[in-house]
């Protein structure tokens, strides 16, 4: 074996850079959804009436909603806004699960520029 060769089997390589503050069990797409969830929560706190956008989106598709979508519809119709916003920001498994199909799409919740900035941070630092 050449003198410069090293046994790399014991070298620990981080899956993600340290600046990407991923909670345990997250992957990059989860982190992106988490950042988007934070923006949506901020928007809902500033404009509580925008919850109706999510309800309307779900009701427009009511005949073909999944169990996950029906869960969102029930939450939006029955939970206080603060609880919904907290869930969107939560770094736990429940927040991660529910963010994966949240009914808040695009504008006015997250602009294309904001999404681009989130993706750039996720993949480039």
PDB file of N, CA and C in Angstrom:
ATOM      1  N   UNK A   1       0.859  -1.168   0.000  1.00  0.00           N
ATOM      2  CA  UNK A   1       0.000   0.000   0.000  1.00  0.00           C
ATOM      3  C   UNK A   1       0.906   1.232   0.000  1.00  0.00           C
ATOM      4  N   UNK A   2       0.628   2.205  -0.869  1.00  0.00           N
ATOM      5  CA  UNK A   2       1.450   3.419  -0.892  1.00  0.00           C
ATOM      6  C   UNK A   2       1.400   4.139   0.448  1.00  0.00           C
ATOM      7  N   UNK A   3       2.439   4.866   0.772  1.00  0.00           N
ATOM      8  CA  UNK A   3       2.553   5.556   2.053  1.00  0.00           C
ATOM      9  C   UNK A   3       1.472   6.614   2.237  1.00  0.00           C
ATOM     10  N   UNK A   4       0.937   7.189   1.167  1.00  0.00           N
ATOM     11  CA  UNK A   4      -0.071   8.239   1.262  1.00  0.00           C
ATOM     12  C   UNK A   4      -1.488   7.709   1.440  1.00  0.00           C
ATOM     13  N   UNK A   5      -1.694   6.439   1.191  1.00  0.00           N
ATOM     14  CA  UNK A   5      -3.040   5.869   1.311  1.00  0.00           C
ATOM     15  C   UNK A   5      -3.437   5.825   2.779  1.00  0.00           C
ATOM     16  N   UNK A   6      -4.703   6.146   3.057  1.00  0.00           N
ATOM     17  CA  UNK A   6      -5.216   6.159   4.429  1.00  0.00           C
ATOM     18  C   UNK A   6      -6.418   5.250   4.525  1.00  0.00           C
ATOM     19  N   UNK A   7      -6.604   4.713   5.680  1.00  0.00           N
ATOM     20  CA  UNK A   7      -7.804   3.937   5.955  1.00  0.00           C
ATOM     21  C   UNK A   7      -8.916   4.926   6.294  1.00  0.00           C
ATOM     22  N   UNK A   8      -9.862   5.124   5.375  1.00  0.00           N
ATOM     23  CA  UNK A   8     -10.944   6.100   5.572  1.00  0.00           C
ATOM     24  C   UNK A   8     -12.175   5.489   6.229  1.00  0.00           C
ATOM     25  N   UNK A   9     -12.112   4.215   6.558  1.00  0.00           N
ATOM     26  CA  UNK A   9     -13.291   3.567   7.137  1.00  0.00           C
ATOM     27  C   UNK A   9     -13.660   4.134   8.504  1.00  0.00           C
ATOM     28  N   UNK A  10     -12.730   4.757   9.198  1.00  0.00           N
ATOM     29  CA  UNK A  10     -12.997   5.315  10.520  1.00  0.00           C
ATOM     30  C   UNK A  10     -13.258   6.823  10.490  1.00  0.00           C
ATOM     31  N   UNK A  11     -13.196   7.427   9.296  1.00  0.00           N
ATOM     32  CA  UNK A  11     -13.410   8.871   9.173  1.00  0.00           C
ATOM     33  C   UNK A  11     -14.902   9.144   9.148  1.00  0.00           C
ATOM     34  N   UNK A  12     -15.360  10.016  10.043  1.00  0.00           N
ATOM     35  CA  UNK A  12     -16.775  10.374  10.088  1.00  0.00           C
ATOM     36  C   UNK A  12     -17.024  11.543   9.140  1.00  0.00           C
ATOM     37  N   UNK A  13     -17.946  11.352   8.227  1.00  0.00           N
ATOM     38  CA  UNK A  13     -18.323  12.404   7.290  1.00  0.00           C
ATOM     39  C   UNK A  13     -19.729  12.844   7.654  1.00  0.00           C
ATOM     40  N   UNK A  14     -19.891  14.137   7.927  1.00  0.00           N
ATOM     41  CA  UNK A  14     -21.214  14.651   8.268  1.00  0.00           C
ATOM     42  C   UNK A  14     -22.119  14.600   7.050  1.00  0.00           C
ATOM     43  N   UNK A  15     -23.363  14.198   7.277  1.00  0.00           N
ATOM     44  CA  UNK A  15     -24.337  14.131   6.187  1.00  0.00           C
ATOM     45  C   UNK A  15     -24.714  15.518   5.699  1.00  0.00           C
ATOM     46  N   UNK A  16     -24.724  16.492   6.616  1.00  0.00           N
ATOM     47  CA  UNK A  16     -25.134  17.837   6.263  1.00  0.00           C
ATOM     48  C   UNK A  16     -24.171  18.821   6.898  1.00  0.00           C
ATOM     49  N   UNK A  17     -23.967  19.947   6.269  1.00  0.00           N
ATOM     50  CA  UNK A  17     -23.085  20.947   6.875  1.00  0.00           C
ATOM     51  C   UNK A  17     -23.696  21.472   8.177  1.00  0.00           C
ATOM     52  N   UNK A  18     -22.852  21.899   9.124  1.00  0.00           N
ATOM     53  CA  UNK A  18     -23.373  22.326  10.427  1.00  0.00           C
ATOM     54  C   UNK A  18     -24.304  23.537  10.381  1.00  0.00           C
ATOM     55  N   UNK A  19     -24.177  24.400   9.376  1.00  0.00           N
ATOM     56  CA  UNK A  19     -25.044  25.576   9.299  1.00  0.00           C
ATOM     57  C   UNK A  19     -26.471  25.200   8.936  1.00  0.00           C
ATOM     58  N   UNK A  20     -26.678  23.992   8.389  1.00  0.00           N
ATOM     59  CA  UNK A  20     -28.022  23.544   8.047  1.00  0.00           C
ATOM     60  C   UNK A  20     -28.592  22.900   9.310  1.00  0.00           C
ATOM     61  N   UNK A  21     -29.255  23.692  10.122  1.00  0.00           N
ATOM     62  CA  UNK A  21     -29.675  23.288  11.459  1.00  0.00           C
ATOM     63  C   UNK A  21     -30.816  22.276  11.431  1.00  0.00           C
ATOM     64  N   UNK A  22     -30.516  21.086  10.908  1.00  0.00           N
ATOM     65  CA  UNK A  22     -31.523  20.043  10.789  1.00  0.00           C
ATOM     66  C   UNK A  22     -31.807  19.385  12.131  1.00  0.00           C
ATOM     67  N   UNK A  23     -33.073  19.286  12.492  1.00  0.00           N
ATOM     68  CA  UNK A  23     -33.402  18.488  13.676  1.00  0.00           C
ATOM     69  C   UNK A  23     -33.084  17.017  13.391  1.00  0.00           C
ATOM     70  N   UNK A  24     -32.905  16.201  14.407  1.00  0.00           N
ATOM     71  CA  UNK A  24     -32.621  14.776  14.185  1.00  0.00           C
ATOM     72  C   UNK A  24     -33.680  14.126  13.298  1.00  0.00           C
ATOM     73  N   UNK A  25     -33.252  13.321  12.365  1.00  0.00           N
ATOM     74  CA  UNK A  25     -34.164  12.588  11.488  1.00  0.00           C
ATOM     75  C   UNK A  25     -34.604  13.344  10.248  1.00  0.00           C
ATOM     76  N   UNK A  26     -34.179  14.573  10.074  1.00  0.00           N
ATOM     77  CA  UNK A  26     -34.591  15.363   8.918  1.00  0.00           C
ATOM     78  C   UNK A  26     -33.641  15.150   7.753  1.00  0.00           C
ATOM     79  N   UNK A  27     -34.163  15.341   6.565  1.00  0.00           N
ATOM     80  CA  UNK A  27     -33.349  15.409   5.363  1.00  0.00           C
ATOM     81  C   UNK A  27     -33.530  16.808   4.785  1.00  0.00           C
ATOM     82  N   UNK A  28     -32.801  17.139   3.753  1.00  0.00           N
ATOM     83  CA  UNK A  28     -32.820  18.500   3.223  1.00  0.00           C
ATOM     84  C   UNK A  28     -34.232  18.930   2.819  1.00  0.00           C
ATOM     85  N   UNK A  29     -34.994  18.070   2.178  1.00  0.00           N
ATOM     86  CA  UNK A  29     -36.346  18.452   1.776  1.00  0.00           C
ATOM     87  C   UNK A  29     -37.232  18.753   2.986  1.00  0.00           C
ATOM     88  N   UNK A  30     -37.001  18.030   4.073  1.00  0.00           N
ATOM     89  CA  UNK A  30     -37.739  18.320   5.308  1.00  0.00           C
ATOM     90  C   UNK A  30     -37.355  19.699   5.839  1.00  0.00           C
ATOM     91  N   UNK A  31     -36.065  19.996   5.778  1.00  0.00           N
ATOM     92  CA  UNK A  31     -35.593  21.308   6.254  1.00  0.00           C
ATOM     93  C   UNK A  31     -36.213  22.424   5.419  1.00  0.00           C
ATOM     94  N   UNK A  32     -36.265  22.223   4.108  1.00  0.00           N
ATOM     95  CA  UNK A  32     -36.876  23.217   3.219  1.00  0.00           C
ATOM     96  C   UNK A  32     -38.343  23.421   3.599  1.00  0.00           C
ATOM     97  N   UNK A  33     -39.067  22.336   3.810  1.00  0.00           N
ATOM     98  CA  UNK A  33     -40.478  22.436   4.207  1.00  0.00           C
ATOM     99  C   UNK A  33     -40.607  23.127   5.569  1.00  0.00           C
ATOM    100  N   UNK A  34     -39.661  22.871   6.472  1.00  0.00           N
ATOM    101  CA  UNK A  34     -39.677  23.506   7.789  1.00  0.00           C
ATOM    102  C   UNK A  34     -39.506  25.015   7.666  1.00  0.00           C
ATOM    103  N   UNK A  35     -38.574  25.436   6.813  1.00  0.00           N
ATOM    104  CA  UNK A  35     -38.366  26.872   6.605  1.00  0.00           C
ATOM    105  C   UNK A  35     -39.599  27.506   5.965  1.00  0.00           C
ATOM    106  N   UNK A  36     -40.186  26.801   5.014  1.00  0.00           N
ATOM    107  CA  UNK A  36     -41.414  27.287   4.388  1.00  0.00           C
ATOM    108  C   UNK A  36     -42.529  27.367   5.432  1.00  0.00           C
ATOM    109  N   UNK A  37     -42.621  26.369   6.296  1.00  0.00           N
ATOM    110  CA  UNK A  37     -43.624  26.377   7.358  1.00  0.00           C
ATOM    111  C   UNK A  37     -43.468  27.575   8.274  1.00  0.00           C
ATOM    112  N   UNK A  38     -42.233  27.951   8.562  1.00  0.00           N
ATOM    113  CA  UNK A  38     -41.986  29.128   9.405  1.00  0.00           C
ATOM    114  C   UNK A  38     -42.506  30.397   8.727  1.00  0.00           C
ATOM    115  N   UNK A  39     -42.292  30.498   7.412  1.00  0.00           N
ATOM    116  CA  UNK A  39     -42.779  31.675   6.679  1.00  0.00           C
ATOM    117  C   UNK A  39     -44.306  31.705   6.643  1.00  0.00           C
ATOM    118  N   UNK A  40     -44.907  30.538   6.427  1.00  0.00           N
ATOM    119  CA  UNK A  40     -46.373  30.455   6.403  1.00  0.00           C
ATOM    120  C   UNK A  40     -46.937  30.828   7.774  1.00  0.00           C
ATOM    121  N   UNK A  41     -46.327  30.329   8.831  1.00  0.00           N
ATOM    122  CA  UNK A  41     -46.792  30.655  10.183  1.00  0.00           C
ATOM    123  C   UNK A  41     -46.703  32.158  10.436  1.00  0.00           C
ATOM    124  N   UNK A  42     -45.616  32.751  10.021  1.00  0.00           N
ATOM    125  CA  UNK A  42     -45.450  34.205  10.180  1.00  0.00           C
ATOM    126  C   UNK A  42     -46.547  34.947   9.418  1.00  0.00           C
ATOM    127  N   UNK A  43     -46.818  34.510   8.201  1.00  0.00           N
ATOM    128  CA  UNK A  43     -47.856  35.137   7.376  1.00  0.00           C
ATOM    129  C   UNK A  43     -49.228  35.014   8.044  1.00  0.00           C
ATOM    130  N   UNK A  44     -49.527  33.834   8.562  1.00  0.00           N
ATOM    131  CA  UNK A  44     -50.830  33.619   9.193  1.00  0.00           C
ATOM    132  C   UNK A  44     -50.989  34.456  10.456  1.00  0.00           C
ATOM    133  N   UNK A  45     -49.919  34.627  11.202  1.00  0.00           N
ATOM    134  CA  UNK A  45     -50.000  35.470  12.405  1.00  0.00           C
ATOM    135  C   UNK A  45     -50.245  36.930  12.029  1.00  0.00           C
ATOM    136  N   UNK A  46     -49.643  37.359  10.926  1.00  0.00           N
ATOM    137  CA  UNK A  46     -49.813  38.749  10.488  1.00  0.00           C
ATOM    138  C   UNK A  46     -51.145  38.968   9.783  1.00  0.00           C
ATOM    139  N   UNK A  47     -51.635  37.932   9.121  1.00  0.00           N
ATOM    140  CA  UNK A  47     -52.878  38.017   8.338  1.00  0.00           C
ATOM    141  C   UNK A  47     -53.751  36.793   8.646  1.00  0.00           C
ATOM    142  N   UNK A  48     -54.379  36.764   9.806  1.00  0.00           N
ATOM    143  CA  UNK A  48     -55.175  35.589  10.207  1.00  0.00           C
ATOM    144  C   UNK A  48     -56.255  35.205   9.196  1.00  0.00           C
ATOM    145  N   UNK A  49     -56.729  36.189   8.466  1.00  0.00           N
ATOM    146  CA  UNK A  49     -57.777  35.903   7.469  1.00  0.00           C
ATOM    147  C   UNK A  49     -57.275  34.967   6.361  1.00  0.00           C
ATOM    148  N   UNK A  50     -55.958  34.851   6.199  1.00  0.00           N
ATOM    149  CA  UNK A  50     -55.399  34.003   5.146  1.00  0.00           C
ATOM    150  C   UNK A  50     -55.563  32.509   5.413  1.00  0.00           C
ATOM    151  N   UNK A  51     -55.967  32.148   6.638  1.00  0.00           N
ATOM    152  CA  UNK A  51     -56.295  30.749   6.907  1.00  0.00           C
ATOM    153  C   UNK A  51     -57.375  30.294   5.933  1.00  0.00           C
ATOM    154  N   UNK A  52     -58.249  31.213   5.556  1.00  0.00           N
ATOM    155  CA  UNK A  52     -59.347  30.886   4.647  1.00  0.00           C
ATOM    156  C   UNK A  52     -58.828  30.400   3.293  1.00  0.00           C
ATOM    157  N   UNK A  53     -57.649  30.868   2.859  1.00  0.00           N
ATOM    158  CA  UNK A  53     -57.051  30.374   1.599  1.00  0.00           C
ATOM    159  C   UNK A  53     -56.850  28.862   1.664  1.00  0.00           C
ATOM    160  N   UNK A  54     -56.300  28.395   2.793  1.00  0.00           N
ATOM    161  CA  UNK A  54     -56.081  26.956   2.959  1.00  0.00           C
ATOM    162  C   UNK A  54     -57.382  26.186   2.998  1.00  0.00           C
ATOM    163  N   UNK A  55     -58.354  26.712   3.728  1.00  0.00           N
ATOM    164  CA  UNK A  55     -59.665  26.057   3.804  1.00  0.00           C
ATOM    165  C   UNK A  55     -60.304  25.996   2.423  1.00  0.00           C
ATOM    166  N   UNK A  56     -60.270  27.110   1.697  1.00  0.00           N
ATOM    167  CA  UNK A  56     -60.868  27.145   0.363  1.00  0.00           C
ATOM    168  C   UNK A  56     -60.190  26.162  -0.581  1.00  0.00           C
ATOM    169  N   UNK A  57     -58.854  26.083  -0.507  1.00  0.00           N
ATOM    170  CA  UNK A  57     -58.120  25.155  -1.379  1.00  0.00           C
ATOM    171  C   UNK A  57     -58.558  23.729  -1.093  1.00  0.00           C
ATOM    172  N   UNK A  58     -58.656  23.392   0.179  1.00  0.00           N
ATOM    173  CA  UNK A  58     -59.062  22.035   0.548  1.00  0.00           C
ATOM    174  C   UNK A  58     -60.509  21.758   0.150  1.00  0.00           C
ATOM    175  N   UNK A  59     -61.386  22.728   0.336  1.00  0.00           N
ATOM    176  CA  UNK A  59     -62.798  22.517  -0.016  1.00  0.00           C
ATOM    177  C   UNK A  59     -63.002  22.400  -1.525  1.00  0.00           C
ATOM    178  N   UNK A  60     -62.180  23.103  -2.299  1.00  0.00           N
ATOM    179  CA  UNK A  60     -62.268  22.978  -3.764  1.00  0.00           C
ATOM    180  C   UNK A  60     -61.961  21.557  -4.221  1.00  0.00           C
ATOM    181  N   UNK A  61     -61.152  20.844  -3.453  1.00  0.00           N
ATOM    182  CA  UNK A  61     -60.737  19.490  -3.805  1.00  0.00           C
ATOM    183  C   UNK A  61     -61.357  18.440  -2.877  1.00  0.00           C
ATOM    184  N   UNK A  62     -62.427  18.848  -2.187  1.00  0.00           N
ATOM    185  CA  UNK A  62     -62.990  18.027  -1.127  1.00  0.00           C
ATOM    186  C   UNK A  62     -63.382  16.615  -1.578  1.00  0.00           C
ATOM    187  N   UNK A  63     -63.802  16.452  -2.820  1.00  0.00           N
ATOM    188  CA  UNK A  63     -64.233  15.147  -3.296  1.00  0.00           C
ATOM    189  C   UNK A  63     -63.080  14.161  -3.470  1.00  0.00           C
ATOM    190  N   UNK A  64     -61.839  14.633  -3.422  1.00  0.00           N
ATOM    191  CA  UNK A  64     -60.700  13.729  -3.606  1.00  0.00           C
ATOM    192  C   UNK A  64     -59.589  13.960  -2.559  1.00  0.00           C
ATOM    193  N   UNK A  65     -59.967  14.417  -1.388  1.00  0.00           N
ATOM    194  CA  UNK A  65     -58.988  14.673  -0.338  1.00  0.00           C
ATOM    195  C   UNK A  65     -58.504  13.381   0.298  1.00  0.00           C
ATOM    196  N   UNK A  66     -57.222  13.351   0.604  1.00  0.00           N
ATOM    197  CA  UNK A  66     -56.644  12.233   1.351  1.00  0.00           C
ATOM    198  C   UNK A  66     -56.971  12.410   2.828  1.00  0.00           C
ATOM    199  N   UNK A  67     -56.677  11.396   3.614  1.00  0.00           N
ATOM    200  CA  UNK A  67     -56.884  11.494   5.063  1.00  0.00           C
ATOM    201  C   UNK A  67     -56.037  12.634   5.636  1.00  0.00           C
ATOM    202  N   UNK A  68     -54.863  12.811   5.085  1.00  0.00           N
ATOM    203  CA  UNK A  68     -53.963  13.892   5.519  1.00  0.00           C
ATOM    204  C   UNK A  68     -54.615  15.257   5.255  1.00  0.00           C
ATOM    205  N   UNK A  69     -55.193  15.421   4.071  1.00  0.00           N
ATOM    206  CA  UNK A  69     -55.868  16.678   3.733  1.00  0.00           C
ATOM    207  C   UNK A  69     -57.091  16.908   4.612  1.00  0.00           C
ATOM    208  N   UNK A  70     -57.840  15.865   4.873  1.00  0.00           N
ATOM    209  CA  UNK A  70     -59.005  15.991   5.758  1.00  0.00           C
ATOM    210  C   UNK A  70     -58.573  16.394   7.161  1.00  0.00           C
ATOM    211  N   UNK A  71     -57.434  15.881   7.600  1.00  0.00           N
ATOM    212  CA  UNK A  71     -56.900  16.277   8.907  1.00  0.00           C
ATOM    213  C   UNK A  71     -56.591  17.774   8.919  1.00  0.00           C
ATOM    214  N   UNK A  72     -55.979  18.266   7.833  1.00  0.00           N
ATOM    215  CA  UNK A  72     -55.698  19.700   7.723  1.00  0.00           C
ATOM    216  C   UNK A  72     -56.989  20.512   7.748  1.00  0.00           C
ATOM    217  N   UNK A  73     -57.985  20.077   7.004  1.00  0.00           N
ATOM    218  CA  UNK A  73     -59.251  20.809   6.957  1.00  0.00           C
ATOM    219  C   UNK A  73     -59.865  20.899   8.356  1.00  0.00           C
ATOM    220  N   UNK A  74     -59.869  19.794   9.076  1.00  0.00           N
ATOM    221  CA  UNK A  74     -60.416  19.810  10.439  1.00  0.00           C
ATOM    222  C   UNK A  74     -59.615  20.737  11.347  1.00  0.00           C
ATOM    223  N   UNK A  75     -58.288  20.708  11.219  1.00  0.00           N
ATOM    224  CA  UNK A  75     -57.460  21.580  12.057  1.00  0.00           C
ATOM    225  C   UNK A  75     -57.737  23.046  11.756  1.00  0.00           C
ATOM    226  N   UNK A  76     -57.786  23.386  10.475  1.00  0.00           N
ATOM    227  CA  UNK A  76     -57.989  24.787  10.097  1.00  0.00           C
ATOM    228  C   UNK A  76     -59.355  25.302  10.508  1.00  0.00           C
ATOM    229  N   UNK A  77     -60.340  24.427  10.510  1.00  0.00           N
ATOM    230  CA  UNK A  77     -61.687  24.841  10.885  1.00  0.00           C
ATOM    231  C   UNK A  77     -61.911  24.856  12.402  1.00  0.00           C
ATOM    232  N   UNK A  78     -61.102  24.109  13.153  1.00  0.00           N
ATOM    233  CA  UNK A  78     -61.393  23.939  14.580  1.00  0.00           C
ATOM    234  C   UNK A  78     -60.303  24.412  15.537  1.00  0.00           C
ATOM    235  N   UNK A  79     -59.092  24.522  15.088  1.00  0.00           N
ATOM    236  CA  UNK A  79     -58.002  24.913  15.988  1.00  0.00           C
ATOM    237  C   UNK A  79     -57.833  26.419  16.015  1.00  0.00           C
ATOM    238  N   UNK A  80     -57.338  26.950  17.116  1.00  0.00           N
ATOM    239  CA  UNK A  80     -56.974  28.372  17.127  1.00  0.00           C
ATOM    240  C   UNK A  80     -55.780  28.593  16.190  1.00  0.00           C
ATOM    241  N   UNK A  81     -55.734  29.757  15.594  1.00  0.00           N
ATOM    242  CA  UNK A  81     -54.658  30.086  14.660  1.00  0.00           C
ATOM    243  C   UNK A  81     -53.282  29.909  15.287  1.00  0.00           C
ATOM    244  N   UNK A  82     -53.132  30.272  16.540  1.00  0.00           N
ATOM    245  CA  UNK A  82     -51.827  30.160  17.204  1.00  0.00           C
ATOM    246  C   UNK A  82     -51.341  28.718  17.231  1.00  0.00           C
ATOM    247  N   UNK A  83     -52.247  27.780  17.422  1.00  0.00           N
ATOM    248  CA  UNK A  83     -51.870  26.360  17.445  1.00  0.00           C
ATOM    249  C   UNK A  83     -51.447  25.883  16.064  1.00  0.00           C
ATOM    250  N   UNK A  84     -52.157  26.307  15.026  1.00  0.00           N
ATOM    251  CA  UNK A  84     -51.781  25.954  13.650  1.00  0.00           C
ATOM    252  C   UNK A  84     -50.399  26.523  13.328  1.00  0.00           C
ATOM    253  N   UNK A  85     -50.180  27.796  13.667  1.00  0.00           N
ATOM    254  CA  UNK A  85     -48.891  28.437  13.397  1.00  0.00           C
ATOM    255  C   UNK A  85     -47.766  27.740  14.149  1.00  0.00           C
ATOM    256  N   UNK A  86     -48.010  27.398  15.405  1.00  0.00           N
ATOM    257  CA  UNK A  86     -46.996  26.691  16.186  1.00  0.00           C
ATOM    258  C   UNK A  86     -46.649  25.348  15.551  1.00  0.00           C
ATOM    259  N   UNK A  87     -47.656  24.650  15.065  1.00  0.00           N
ATOM    260  CA  UNK A  87     -47.437  23.367  14.416  1.00  0.00           C
ATOM    261  C   UNK A  87     -46.589  23.523  13.156  1.00  0.00           C
ATOM    262  N   UNK A  88     -46.870  24.554  12.377  1.00  0.00           N
ATOM    263  CA  UNK A  88     -46.104  24.787  11.150  1.00  0.00           C
ATOM    264  C   UNK A  88     -44.621  25.036  11.425  1.00  0.00           C
ATOM    265  N   UNK A  89     -44.325  25.560  12.608  1.00  0.00           N
ATOM    266  CA  UNK A  89     -42.941  25.860  12.986  1.00  0.00           C
ATOM    267  C   UNK A  89     -42.274  24.742  13.786  1.00  0.00           C
ATOM    268  N   UNK A  90     -43.050  23.763  14.210  1.00  0.00           N
ATOM    269  CA  UNK A  90     -42.530  22.729  15.102  1.00  0.00           C
ATOM    270  C   UNK A  90     -41.454  21.885  14.418  1.00  0.00           C
ATOM    271  N   UNK A  91     -40.390  21.615  15.144  1.00  0.00           N
ATOM    272  CA  UNK A  91     -39.307  20.796  14.627  1.00  0.00           C
ATOM    273  C   UNK A  91     -39.454  19.327  14.968  1.00  0.00           C
ATOM    274  N   UNK A  92     -40.645  18.929  15.448  1.00  0.00           N
ATOM    275  CA  UNK A  92     -40.860  17.537  15.837  1.00  0.00           C
ATOM    276  C   UNK A  92     -41.465  16.722  14.693  1.00  0.00           C
ATOM    277  N   UNK A  93     -41.668  15.430  14.961  1.00  0.00           N
ATOM    278  CA  UNK A  93     -42.188  14.522  13.932  1.00  0.00           C
ATOM    279  C   UNK A  93     -43.574  14.925  13.442  1.00  0.00           C
ATOM    280  N   UNK A  94     -44.420  15.380  14.365  1.00  0.00           N
ATOM    281  CA  UNK A  94     -45.786  15.781  13.982  1.00  0.00           C
ATOM    282  C   UNK A  94     -45.760  16.984  13.047  1.00  0.00           C
ATOM    283  N   UNK A  95     -44.939  17.981  13.374  1.00  0.00           N
ATOM    284  CA  UNK A  95     -44.802  19.142  12.496  1.00  0.00           C
ATOM    285  C   UNK A  95     -44.277  18.740  11.133  1.00  0.00           C
ATOM    286  N   UNK A  96     -43.276  17.879  11.128  1.00  0.00           N
ATOM    287  CA  UNK A  96     -42.690  17.406   9.878  1.00  0.00           C
ATOM    288  C   UNK A  96     -43.735  16.682   9.027  1.00  0.00           C
ATOM    289  N   UNK A  97     -44.497  15.808   9.664  1.00  0.00           N
ATOM    290  CA  UNK A  97     -45.518  15.037   8.948  1.00  0.00           C
ATOM    291  C   UNK A  97     -46.569  15.951   8.334  1.00  0.00           C
ATOM    292  N   UNK A  98     -47.073  16.894   9.121  1.00  0.00           N
ATOM    293  CA  UNK A  98     -48.154  17.748   8.633  1.00  0.00           C
ATOM    294  C   UNK A  98     -47.678  18.774   7.607  1.00  0.00           C
ATOM    295  N   UNK A  99     -46.462  19.271   7.770  1.00  0.00           N
ATOM    296  CA  UNK A  99     -45.941  20.225   6.778  1.00  0.00           C
ATOM    297  C   UNK A  99     -45.797  19.595   5.399  1.00  0.00           C
ATOM    298  N   UNK A 100     -45.609  18.280   5.358  1.00  0.00           N
ATOM    299  CA  UNK A 100     -45.390  17.623   4.071  1.00  0.00           C
ATOM    300  C   UNK A 100     -46.570  17.793   3.117  1.00  0.00           C
ATOM    301  N   UNK A 101     -47.728  18.153   3.633  1.00  0.00           N
ATOM    302  CA  UNK A 101     -48.885  18.353   2.772  1.00  0.00           C
ATOM    303  C   UNK A 101     -49.723  19.539   3.172  1.00  0.00           C
ATOM    304  N   UNK A 102     -49.079  20.588   3.643  1.00  0.00           N
ATOM    305  CA  UNK A 102     -49.874  21.749   4.089  1.00  0.00           C
ATOM    306  C   UNK A 102     -50.567  22.412   2.897  1.00  0.00           C
ATOM    307  N   UNK A 103     -51.755  22.954   3.119  1.00  0.00           N
ATOM    308  CA  UNK A 103     -52.547  23.516   2.020  1.00  0.00           C
ATOM    309  C   UNK A 103     -52.230  24.969   1.683  1.00  0.00           C
ATOM    310  N   UNK A 104     -51.116  25.481   2.145  1.00  0.00           N
ATOM    311  CA  UNK A 104     -50.758  26.875   1.882  1.00  0.00           C
ATOM    312  C   UNK A 104     -49.720  26.893   0.773  1.00  0.00           C
ATOM    313  N   UNK A 105     -50.164  27.174  -0.418  1.00  0.00           N
ATOM    314  CA  UNK A 105     -49.320  27.061  -1.610  1.00  0.00           C
ATOM    315  C   UNK A 105     -48.939  28.433  -2.151  1.00  0.00           C
ATOM    316  N   UNK A 106     -47.667  28.613  -2.422  1.00  0.00           N
ATOM    317  CA  UNK A 106     -47.181  29.811  -3.116  1.00  0.00           C
ATOM    318  C   UNK A 106     -47.604  31.119  -2.482  1.00  0.00           C
ATOM    319  N   UNK A 107     -47.816  32.117  -3.344  1.00  0.00           N
ATOM    320  CA  UNK A 107     -48.251  33.445  -2.894  1.00  0.00           C
ATOM    321  C   UNK A 107     -49.652  33.324  -2.306  1.00  0.00           C
ATOM    322  N   UNK A 108     -49.990  34.012  -1.287  1.00  0.00           N
ATOM    323  CA  UNK A 108     -49.269  35.068  -0.603  1.00  0.00           C
ATOM    324  C   UNK A 108     -48.385  34.549   0.526  1.00  0.00           C
ATOM    325  N   UNK A 109     -48.292  33.225   0.689  1.00  0.00           N
ATOM    326  CA  UNK A 109     -47.612  32.650   1.845  1.00  0.00           C
ATOM    327  C   UNK A 109     -46.096  32.656   1.706  1.00  0.00           C
ATOM    328  N   UNK A 110     -45.606  32.236   0.574  1.00  0.00           N
ATOM    329  CA  UNK A 110     -44.164  32.188   0.331  1.00  0.00           C
ATOM    330  C   UNK A 110     -43.927  32.607  -1.113  1.00  0.00           C
ATOM    331  N   UNK A 111     -43.113  33.614  -1.282  1.00  0.00           N
ATOM    332  CA  UNK A 111     -42.831  34.098  -2.642  1.00  0.00           C
ATOM    333  C   UNK A 111     -41.787  33.207  -3.315  1.00  0.00           C
ATOM    334  N   UNK A 112     -41.708  33.294  -4.613  1.00  0.00           N
ATOM    335  CA  UNK A 112     -40.702  32.522  -5.346  1.00  0.00           C
ATOM    336  C   UNK A 112     -39.295  32.947  -4.932  1.00  0.00           C
ATOM    337  N   UNK A 113     -39.112  34.228  -4.599  1.00  0.00           N
ATOM    338  CA  UNK A 113     -37.803  34.694  -4.143  1.00  0.00           C
ATOM    339  C   UNK A 113     -37.450  34.082  -2.788  1.00  0.00           C
ATOM    340  N   UNK A 114     -38.425  33.981  -1.908  1.00  0.00           N
ATOM    341  CA  UNK A 114     -38.175  33.366  -0.606  1.00  0.00           C
ATOM    342  C   UNK A 114     -37.831  31.882  -0.765  1.00  0.00           C
ATOM    343  N   UNK A 115     -38.558  31.198  -1.632  1.00  0.00           N
ATOM    344  CA  UNK A 115     -38.269  29.781  -1.862  1.00  0.00           C
ATOM    345  C   UNK A 115     -36.884  29.604  -2.472  1.00  0.00           C
ATOM    346  N   UNK A 116     -36.527  30.474  -3.386  1.00  0.00           N
ATOM    347  CA  UNK A 116     -35.199  30.404  -3.988  1.00  0.00           C
ATOM    348  C   UNK A 116     -34.118  30.598  -2.918  1.00  0.00           C
ATOM    349  N   UNK A 117     -34.325  31.545  -2.011  1.00  0.00           N
ATOM    350  CA  UNK A 117     -33.355  31.794  -0.943  1.00  0.00           C
ATOM    351  C   UNK A 117     -33.255  30.579  -0.005  1.00  0.00           C
ATOM    352  N   UNK A 118     -34.368  29.958   0.296  1.00  0.00           N
ATOM    353  CA  UNK A 118     -34.363  28.764   1.146  1.00  0.00           C
ATOM    354  C   UNK A 118     -33.599  27.640   0.457  1.00  0.00           C
ATOM    355  N   UNK A 119     -33.896  27.397  -0.803  1.00  0.00           N
ATOM    356  CA  UNK A 119     -33.203  26.322  -1.536  1.00  0.00           C
ATOM    357  C   UNK A 119     -31.708  26.608  -1.672  1.00  0.00           C
ATOM    358  N   UNK A 120     -31.378  27.868  -1.913  1.00  0.00           N
ATOM    359  CA  UNK A 120     -29.971  28.222  -2.033  1.00  0.00           C
ATOM    360  C   UNK A 120     -29.249  27.946  -0.726  1.00  0.00           C
ATOM    361  N   UNK A 121     -29.847  28.314   0.388  1.00  0.00           N
ATOM    362  CA  UNK A 121     -29.215  28.050   1.690  1.00  0.00           C
ATOM    363  C   UNK A 121     -29.096  26.561   1.928  1.00  0.00           C
ATOM    364  N   UNK A 122     -30.132  25.807   1.550  1.00  0.00           N
ATOM    365  CA  UNK A 122     -30.132  24.364   1.782  1.00  0.00           C
ATOM    366  C   UNK A 122     -29.039  23.654   0.987  1.00  0.00           C
ATOM    367  N   UNK A 123     -28.813  24.081  -0.229  1.00  0.00           N
ATOM    368  CA  UNK A 123     -27.899  23.344  -1.096  1.00  0.00           C
ATOM    369  C   UNK A 123     -26.537  24.004  -1.253  1.00  0.00           C
ATOM    370  N   UNK A 124     -26.441  25.294  -0.998  1.00  0.00           N
ATOM    371  CA  UNK A 124     -25.168  25.990  -1.237  1.00  0.00           C
ATOM    372  C   UNK A 124     -24.553  26.576   0.030  1.00  0.00           C
ATOM    373  N   UNK A 125     -25.353  26.829   1.011  1.00  0.00           N
ATOM    374  CA  UNK A 125     -24.835  27.421   2.244  1.00  0.00           C
ATOM    375  C   UNK A 125     -25.033  28.868   2.220  1.00  0.00           C
TER     376      UNK A 125
END
